[in-house]
Amino acid sequence: MTDRLGTLTSDGEHAVMTFVRRLPYPIERVWAAITDPAQRAAWFGETTIENGTIEMMPSGTPAPPEMKRMTGRILAWEPPRLLEHEWHQGIVEAGVVRYELAPDGGETVLTFTHRGLSMRNAQGFLPGTHAFFDRLEAQLAGEELPRWTERYAEVAPAYPPTAMSDSR
């Protein structure tokens, strides 16, 4: 599981959370799962992408709706390789997330970064983001999606706060 773990580094006063996942699917299929609102709703939650903006409501997470709703402007849209958007959410600092897709044979390498969170908030987001990406992979595989809260609890021990530093 360690090669599937996210990493956390610091960039001045902010954290940079990074996940790299090798997915055994063509880039167009992964792009659709990330950017098509109907597909994204299955693994992440209700999503609207229109007029250069994105709004998402993560499903399965325990925060109240007004705190977990995420909004932002789309900063980069280069199908099927790059989606970058602002991240404005009531429970954390503003940031920017970036999905970079690179084809590798019939597979796709997904590199996800989330910049702008405090180190403390990023530490809390690591297992949650991991759980969402496990749900994405299950959706792509046509498998039953793990419940977010259960998957979070399963992977959280792999992210002890003392293990997160500039060297990860």
Protein backbone atom coordinates (compact mmCIF):
# COMPACT_ATOMS: atom_id res chain seq x y z
CA MET A 1 0.00 0.00 0.00
CA THR A 2 2.92 2.38 0.57
CA ASP A 3 3.30 3.22 -3.13
CA ARG A 4 -0.33 4.38 -3.09
CA LEU A 5 0.13 6.71 -0.13
CA GLY A 6 0.00 10.44 -0.53
CA THR A 7 2.92 12.60 0.48
CA LEU A 8 3.02 15.87 2.33
CA THR A 9 5.71 18.49 1.95
CA SER A 10 5.89 22.12 2.93
CA ASP A 11 6.07 25.15 0.67
CA GLY A 12 6.77 27.97 3.06
CA GLU A 13 3.84 28.21 5.47
CA HIS A 14 1.62 25.96 3.36
CA ALA A 15 1.46 22.25 2.68
CA VAL A 16 1.63 20.47 -0.65
CA MET A 17 -0.29 17.21 -0.67
CA THR A 18 0.56 14.88 -3.57
CA PHE A 19 -0.86 11.58 -4.74
CA VAL A 20 0.44 9.59 -7.71
CA ARG A 21 -1.71 6.71 -8.88
CA ARG A 22 -1.05 4.39 -11.81
CA LEU A 23 -4.42 3.42 -13.21
CA PRO A 24 -4.78 0.52 -15.68
CA TYR A 25 -7.16 2.47 -17.93
CA PRO A 26 -6.76 4.72 -20.98
CA ILE A 27 -6.35 8.43 -20.31
CA GLU A 28 -9.75 9.32 -21.83
CA ARG A 29 -11.52 7.02 -19.39
CA VAL A 30 -9.71 8.49 -16.37
CA TRP A 31 -10.33 12.03 -17.64
CA ALA A 32 -14.06 11.30 -17.91
CA ALA A 33 -14.18 9.87 -14.38
CA ILE A 34 -12.58 13.08 -13.05
CA THR A 35 -14.42 15.66 -15.16
CA ASP A 36 -17.82 14.22 -16.08
CA PRO A 37 -20.21 15.35 -13.32
CA ALA A 38 -22.25 12.13 -13.44
CA GLN A 39 -19.16 9.92 -13.12
CA ARG A 40 -17.56 12.15 -10.48
CA ALA A 41 -20.76 12.08 -8.42
CA ALA A 42 -20.34 8.32 -7.93
CA TRP A 43 -16.88 8.44 -6.32
CA PHE A 44 -16.61 11.98 -4.95
CA GLY A 45 -20.01 13.63 -4.73
CA GLU A 46 -22.35 15.96 -6.55
CA THR A 47 -20.33 18.07 -8.98
CA THR A 48 -21.15 20.93 -11.32
CA ILE A 49 -18.64 22.17 -13.89
CA GLU A 50 -19.86 25.11 -15.99
CA ASN A 51 -18.96 28.63 -17.06
CA GLY A 52 -15.36 28.25 -15.90
CA THR A 53 -16.31 27.22 -12.37
CA ILE A 54 -16.55 24.03 -10.35
CA GLU A 55 -18.71 23.24 -7.35
CA MET A 56 -18.55 19.96 -5.45
CA MET A 57 -20.34 18.48 -2.46
CA PRO A 58 -18.30 15.55 -1.14
CA SER A 59 -20.48 12.60 -0.16
CA GLY A 60 -19.93 10.37 2.83
CA THR A 61 -17.85 12.84 4.83
CA PRO A 62 -19.05 13.86 8.30
CA ALA A 63 -18.86 17.65 7.94
CA PRO A 64 -22.10 19.65 7.66
CA PRO A 65 -23.03 20.62 4.07
CA GLU A 66 -22.24 24.31 4.48
CA MET A 67 -18.71 23.44 5.59
CA LYS A 68 -17.86 20.77 3.04
CA ARG A 69 -19.20 22.43 -0.14
CA MET A 70 -16.23 23.32 -2.36
CA THR A 71 -16.27 26.03 -5.03
CA GLY A 72 -13.67 27.55 -7.31
CA ARG A 73 -12.69 28.92 -10.68
CA ILE A 74 -11.19 26.54 -13.19
CA LEU A 75 -7.63 27.72 -13.79
CA ALA A 76 -6.56 25.14 -16.40
CA TRP A 77 -8.63 22.83 -18.61
CA GLU A 78 -6.62 20.86 -21.15
CA PRO A 79 -8.51 17.63 -21.98
CA PRO A 80 -7.53 14.90 -21.41
CA ARG A 81 -4.38 15.85 -19.52
CA LEU A 82 -4.90 18.70 -17.06
CA LEU A 83 -7.54 20.09 -14.74
CA GLU A 84 -6.59 22.73 -12.19
CA HIS A 85 -9.01 24.69 -10.05
CA GLU A 86 -9.29 26.81 -6.95
CA TRP A 87 -10.43 25.12 -3.75
CA HIS A 88 -12.64 27.27 -1.51
CA GLN A 89 -14.20 25.33 1.34
CA GLY A 90 -15.54 26.47 4.70
CA ILE A 91 -13.49 24.01 6.76
CA VAL A 92 -10.00 24.86 5.42
CA GLU A 93 -7.86 27.55 3.85
CA ALA A 94 -8.22 28.40 0.17
CA GLY A 95 -6.01 26.42 -2.14
CA VAL A 96 -5.49 25.05 -5.63
CA VAL A 97 -5.86 21.45 -6.76
CA ARG A 98 -4.36 20.00 -9.91
CA TYR A 99 -5.04 16.72 -11.70
CA GLU A 100 -2.35 15.84 -14.24
CA LEU A 101 -2.87 12.78 -16.43
CA ALA A 102 -0.10 11.15 -18.44
CA PRO A 103 -0.63 8.16 -20.72
CA ASP A 104 1.75 5.24 -20.25
CA GLY A 105 0.95 2.51 -22.73
CA GLY A 106 -2.68 1.58 -22.08
CA GLU A 107 -2.45 2.96 -18.54
CA THR A 108 -2.67 6.44 -17.06
CA VAL A 109 -0.52 8.03 -14.39
CA LEU A 110 -2.60 10.45 -12.32
CA THR A 111 -0.68 13.05 -10.32
CA PHE A 112 -2.85 15.05 -7.94
CA THR A 113 -1.61 18.01 -5.91
CA HIS A 114 -3.43 20.19 -3.40
CA ARG A 115 -1.58 23.37 -2.41
CA GLY A 116 -2.46 26.03 0.13
CA LEU A 117 -3.63 24.11 3.18
CA SER A 118 -1.96 24.52 6.56
CA MET A 119 0.21 21.54 7.50
CA ARG A 120 -2.30 20.56 10.20
CA ASN A 121 -5.28 20.60 7.83
CA ALA A 122 -3.34 18.81 5.11
CA GLN A 123 -2.49 16.03 7.58
CA GLY A 124 -6.22 15.57 8.15
CA PHE A 125 -6.96 15.67 4.41
CA LEU A 126 -4.38 12.98 3.48
CA PRO A 127 -6.40 9.91 4.54
CA GLY A 128 -9.63 11.46 3.21
CA THR A 129 -8.12 12.16 -0.18
CA HIS A 130 -6.66 8.66 -0.21
CA ALA A 131 -10.16 7.27 0.48
CA PHE A 132 -11.62 9.28 -2.41
CA PHE A 133 -8.95 8.02 -4.83
CA ASP A 134 -9.63 4.44 -3.72
CA ARG A 135 -13.30 5.10 -4.54
CA LEU A 136 -12.26 6.46 -7.97
CA GLU A 137 -10.27 3.29 -8.65
CA ALA A 138 -13.17 1.06 -7.59
CA GLN A 139 -15.52 2.97 -9.90
CA LEU A 140 -13.12 2.63 -12.83
CA ALA A 141 -12.84 -1.12 -12.11
CA GLY A 142 -16.61 -1.52 -11.96
CA GLU A 143 -16.36 -2.68 -8.34
CA GLU A 144 -18.42 -1.75 -5.31
CA LEU A 145 -17.14 1.54 -3.93
CA PRO A 146 -15.82 1.44 -0.37
CA ARG A 147 -17.69 3.65 2.09
CA TRP A 148 -15.66 6.83 2.57
CA THR A 149 -15.79 6.79 6.39
CA GLU A 150 -14.70 3.16 6.58
CA ARG A 151 -11.89 3.61 4.06
CA TYR A 152 -10.71 6.76 5.88
CA ALA A 153 -10.50 4.79 9.14
CA GLU A 154 -8.59 1.96 7.41
CA VAL A 155 -5.93 4.17 5.82
CA ALA A 156 -5.55 6.84 8.54
CA PRO A 157 -2.96 4.79 10.52
CA ALA A 158 -0.68 4.89 7.45
CA TYR A 159 -0.49 8.69 7.86
CA PRO A 160 0.85 9.34 11.35
CA PRO A 161 1.53 13.08 11.89
CA THR A 162 5.12 12.39 12.95
CA ALA A 163 5.83 10.73 9.60
CA MET A 164 4.85 13.81 7.60
CA SER A 165 7.61 16.28 6.91
CA ASP A 166 9.62 17.93 4.18
CA SER A 167 11.39 14.64 3.54
CA ARG A 168 8.25 12.67 2.56
